[in-house]
Protein backbone atom coordinates (compact mmCIF):
# COMPACT_ATOMS: atom_id res chain seq x y z
CA THR A 1 -21.02 -48.26 -57.85
CA ILE A 2 -17.98 -46.84 -55.53
CA PHE A 3 -16.37 -44.80 -58.79
CA ARG A 4 -19.93 -42.90 -59.07
CA MET A 5 -19.66 -42.68 -54.61
CA THR A 6 -16.25 -41.61 -55.16
CA ALA A 7 -17.00 -39.06 -57.82
CA LEU A 8 -19.95 -37.62 -55.78
CA ALA A 9 -17.89 -37.46 -53.00
CA CYS A 10 -15.01 -35.33 -54.51
CA PHE A 11 -17.43 -33.19 -56.22
CA ALA A 12 -19.40 -31.89 -53.01
CA SER A 13 -16.22 -31.41 -51.66
CA SER A 14 -14.81 -28.95 -54.10
CA THR A 15 -17.80 -27.20 -54.06
CA ALA A 16 -18.28 -26.68 -50.49
CA ALA A 17 -17.87 -23.21 -48.59
CA VAL A 18 -14.62 -23.22 -47.21
CA ALA A 19 -15.32 -22.41 -43.47
CA ALA A 20 -13.58 -19.01 -42.99
CA PRO A 21 -11.03 -19.18 -39.71
CA GLU A 22 -11.74 -17.34 -36.43
CA PRO A 23 -11.10 -13.46 -37.25
CA ARG A 24 -7.97 -12.29 -36.22
CA THR A 25 -8.47 -9.46 -33.08
CA PRO A 26 -6.18 -6.01 -33.16
CA THR A 27 -3.47 -6.48 -30.54
CA GLY A 28 -2.36 -2.98 -31.58
CA LYS A 29 -3.64 0.57 -32.98
CA TRP A 30 -4.00 1.74 -36.38
CA VAL A 31 -0.50 3.58 -36.81
CA VAL A 32 -1.05 6.20 -40.16
CA GLU A 33 2.07 6.87 -41.40
CA TYR A 34 2.45 10.79 -43.27
CA ALA A 35 5.21 10.78 -45.73
CA ASP A 36 6.57 12.66 -48.33
CA ALA A 37 5.77 9.39 -50.91
CA GLN A 38 2.62 7.76 -49.68
CA CYS A 39 0.02 7.65 -47.18
CA LEU A 40 0.14 4.05 -44.38
CA ALA A 41 -2.37 2.68 -42.16
CA GLN A 42 -0.92 -0.16 -40.77
CA ARG A 43 -2.51 -2.36 -37.60
CA LYS A 44 -0.56 -5.50 -35.64
CA PHE A 45 -2.68 -9.07 -35.28
CA GLY A 46 -1.91 -12.22 -33.49
CA THR A 47 0.36 -12.72 -30.88
CA PRO A 48 3.93 -11.03 -29.63
CA VAL A 49 5.22 -14.33 -30.87
CA LYS A 50 3.22 -14.94 -34.00
CA PRO A 51 2.55 -11.21 -35.09
CA VAL A 52 0.38 -10.52 -38.18
CA PHE A 53 0.72 -6.94 -39.80
CA LEU A 54 -1.99 -5.48 -41.72
CA VAL A 55 -1.21 -2.78 -43.92
CA PHE A 56 -3.18 -0.44 -46.12
CA LYS A 57 -1.14 2.16 -48.96
CA GLN A 58 -3.23 4.44 -50.92
CA PRO A 59 -0.69 5.60 -53.40
CA PRO A 60 -1.31 9.45 -55.00
CA VAL A 61 -1.49 8.26 -58.82
CA GLY A 62 -4.61 5.62 -59.81
CA SER A 63 -7.75 4.55 -58.16
CA ILE A 64 -6.41 1.57 -55.95
CA LEU A 65 -5.72 0.52 -52.30
CA GLN A 66 -2.63 -1.67 -51.98
CA ILE A 67 -3.16 -4.17 -49.10
CA ALA A 68 -0.64 -5.88 -47.51
CA VAL A 69 -0.46 -8.85 -45.26
CA ALA A 70 2.67 -9.87 -43.48
CA ASP A 71 4.19 -12.44 -40.75
CA ARG A 72 6.94 -14.03 -39.74
CA ARG A 73 7.15 -17.46 -41.77
CA GLY A 74 9.61 -17.67 -44.62
CA ALA A 75 8.13 -16.47 -48.27
CA GLY A 76 10.48 -18.61 -50.41
CA PRO A 77 11.09 -17.28 -53.90
CA PRO A 78 8.70 -14.24 -55.07
CA THR A 79 5.08 -16.12 -56.50
CA GLN A 80 1.89 -14.67 -57.99
CA LEU A 81 -1.04 -16.25 -56.46
CA ASP A 82 -5.13 -15.88 -57.56
CA GLY A 83 -6.83 -15.40 -54.54
CA LYS A 84 -10.17 -13.99 -53.02
CA LEU A 85 -11.03 -10.88 -51.17
CA THR A 86 -14.41 -10.55 -49.01
CA PHE A 87 -15.37 -7.58 -46.66
CA ASP A 88 -18.02 -9.03 -44.58
CA SER A 89 -20.38 -11.41 -45.97
CA ALA A 90 -20.30 -9.72 -49.08
CA LYS A 91 -19.61 -11.68 -52.44
CA SER A 92 -15.93 -11.78 -52.96
CA VAL A 93 -13.58 -10.39 -55.24
CA ASN A 94 -11.04 -12.76 -57.36
CA VAL A 95 -7.55 -10.83 -56.84
CA ARG A 96 -3.95 -11.30 -58.23
CA LEU A 97 -1.46 -11.41 -54.74
CA LEU A 98 2.07 -11.70 -54.78
CA ARG A 99 4.13 -13.22 -52.27
CA TYR A 100 7.48 -12.39 -51.06
CA GLU A 101 10.28 -11.91 -48.39
CA PRO A 102 11.45 -8.09 -48.65
CA LYS A 103 14.90 -7.56 -48.23
CA ASP A 104 16.43 -7.55 -44.72
CA THR A 105 13.14 -8.48 -43.13
CA LYS A 106 12.04 -12.21 -41.58
CA LEU A 107 8.84 -11.21 -43.19
CA ARG A 108 6.47 -13.13 -45.79
CA SER A 109 4.21 -10.35 -47.30
CA PHE A 110 1.12 -10.82 -49.56
CA LEU A 111 0.55 -7.50 -51.45
CA ILE A 112 -2.76 -7.00 -53.21
CA ASN A 113 -3.63 -4.12 -55.51
CA VAL A 114 -7.22 -3.41 -55.51
CA PRO A 115 -9.45 -0.81 -57.39
CA LEU A 116 -11.12 1.45 -54.63
CA SER A 117 -14.44 0.56 -56.04
CA HIS A 118 -14.00 -2.79 -54.62
CA ILE A 119 -13.00 -1.55 -51.13
CA THR A 120 -16.25 -1.23 -48.49
CA VAL A 121 -15.25 0.80 -45.88
CA ASP A 122 -17.63 0.36 -43.44
CA ALA A 123 -16.68 -3.02 -43.20
CA ARG A 124 -16.44 -5.10 -39.99
CA THR A 125 -14.49 -7.91 -41.03
CA MET A 126 -12.02 -8.26 -43.96
CA ARG A 127 -11.04 -11.81 -45.46
CA ILE A 128 -8.39 -12.81 -47.46
CA ARG A 129 -7.78 -16.28 -48.93
CA THR A 130 -5.02 -17.70 -51.29
CA ASP A 131 -2.18 -20.56 -50.97
CA GLY A 132 -0.79 -20.36 -47.98
CA LEU A 133 -2.96 -17.84 -46.05
CA ASP A 134 -6.48 -17.35 -45.06
CA GLU A 135 -7.10 -14.45 -42.50
CA VAL A 136 -9.93 -12.75 -41.04
CA PHE A 137 -9.69 -9.63 -39.47
CA LEU A 138 -11.46 -7.76 -37.27
CA LEU A 139 -11.52 -3.99 -38.93
CA PRO A 140 -12.97 -1.65 -35.72
CA ALA A 141 -12.70 1.87 -36.83
CA LEU A 142 -12.18 1.00 -40.31
CA GLN A 143 -14.24 4.03 -41.55
CA SER A 144 -12.29 6.85 -40.01
CA VAL A 145 -8.55 5.12 -41.14
CA PHE A 146 -9.90 5.32 -44.72
CA ARG A 147 -10.82 8.79 -44.51
CA THR A 148 -7.29 9.59 -42.92
CA LEU A 149 -6.27 7.79 -45.88
CA ALA A 150 -7.85 9.80 -48.16
CA ASP A 151 -7.23 13.11 -46.64
CA CYS A 152 -3.70 11.83 -46.86
CA THR A 153 -3.69 11.18 -50.28
CA ALA A 154 -5.51 14.26 -51.32
CA ASP A 155 -2.97 16.07 -49.35
CA LEU A 156 -0.31 14.15 -51.46
CA ARG A 157 -1.64 15.31 -54.77
CA ARG A 158 -2.03 18.69 -54.13
CA VAL A 159 1.71 18.80 -53.28
CA TRP A 160 2.52 16.82 -56.44
CA HIS A 161 -0.17 18.23 -58.69
CA VAL A 162 -1.45 14.91 -59.20
CA GLU A 163 -5.04 14.78 -60.80
CA ALA A 164 -7.47 12.77 -59.03
CA VAL A 165 -9.39 11.99 -62.09
CA GLU A 166 -8.04 8.58 -63.67
CA VAL A 167 -7.29 9.81 -67.42
CA GLU A 168 -8.87 6.98 -69.72
CA ARG A 169 -6.03 4.84 -71.33
CA GLU A 170 -5.50 2.00 -73.63
CA PRO A 171 -6.25 -1.61 -72.16
CA LEU A 172 -3.12 -3.14 -71.33
CA VAL A 173 -2.28 -6.08 -73.55
CA GLY A 174 -1.25 -9.83 -71.77
CA GLY A 175 1.78 -10.46 -72.03
CA ARG A 176 3.95 -13.59 -70.84
CA GLN A 177 2.83 -15.41 -67.97
CA GLY A 178 4.82 -17.66 -65.31
CA PRO A 179 7.10 -17.68 -62.66
CA LEU A 180 8.27 -14.32 -61.36
CA ARG A 181 11.87 -15.68 -60.06
CA GLY A 182 13.60 -13.73 -62.66
CA ILE A 183 12.11 -10.52 -62.59
CA PHE A 184 11.81 -10.11 -58.44
CA SER A 185 14.13 -10.89 -55.67
CA GLY A 186 14.54 -10.51 -52.34
CA ASP A 187 16.95 -7.89 -53.12
CA ASP A 188 13.94 -5.45 -54.44
């Protein structure tokens, strides 16, 4: 019947793998910023007219890497999204992203906090997928960038007297979930 064929077509399209877009090639060098409070590595991709920025930030406290993607599209109100992060052809990791537009910028930003255990430091590509974003980045010299970030973070930990080992804590209890519009604004 027509109903059965339509249902099968919908099922097949919902389970099919989404083809990856062409990988973005870097248009600039890695720029690593050693600051008093953070360690950043950023690189420009895209074109001069439509640049895309990839940023890695390793905070001195905790065992995470913050990954940000920024472009010149409007973001709208801050929104939390579900997404996927994939290094090379490894299995995708489910992630939560925050989409927002920082104050005094025209950049739409996506921010992800990823446990360091999910990072593949010798990857050649990284794909981030969520609502309104599907990007694949070519990542030459990634291993040396992560080594530099690790050295910077170790220096910050020494200066701030922060232990590198995480202290085991009680798990966080999930609270109310919903729109973030009342919590974050473009003025943050």
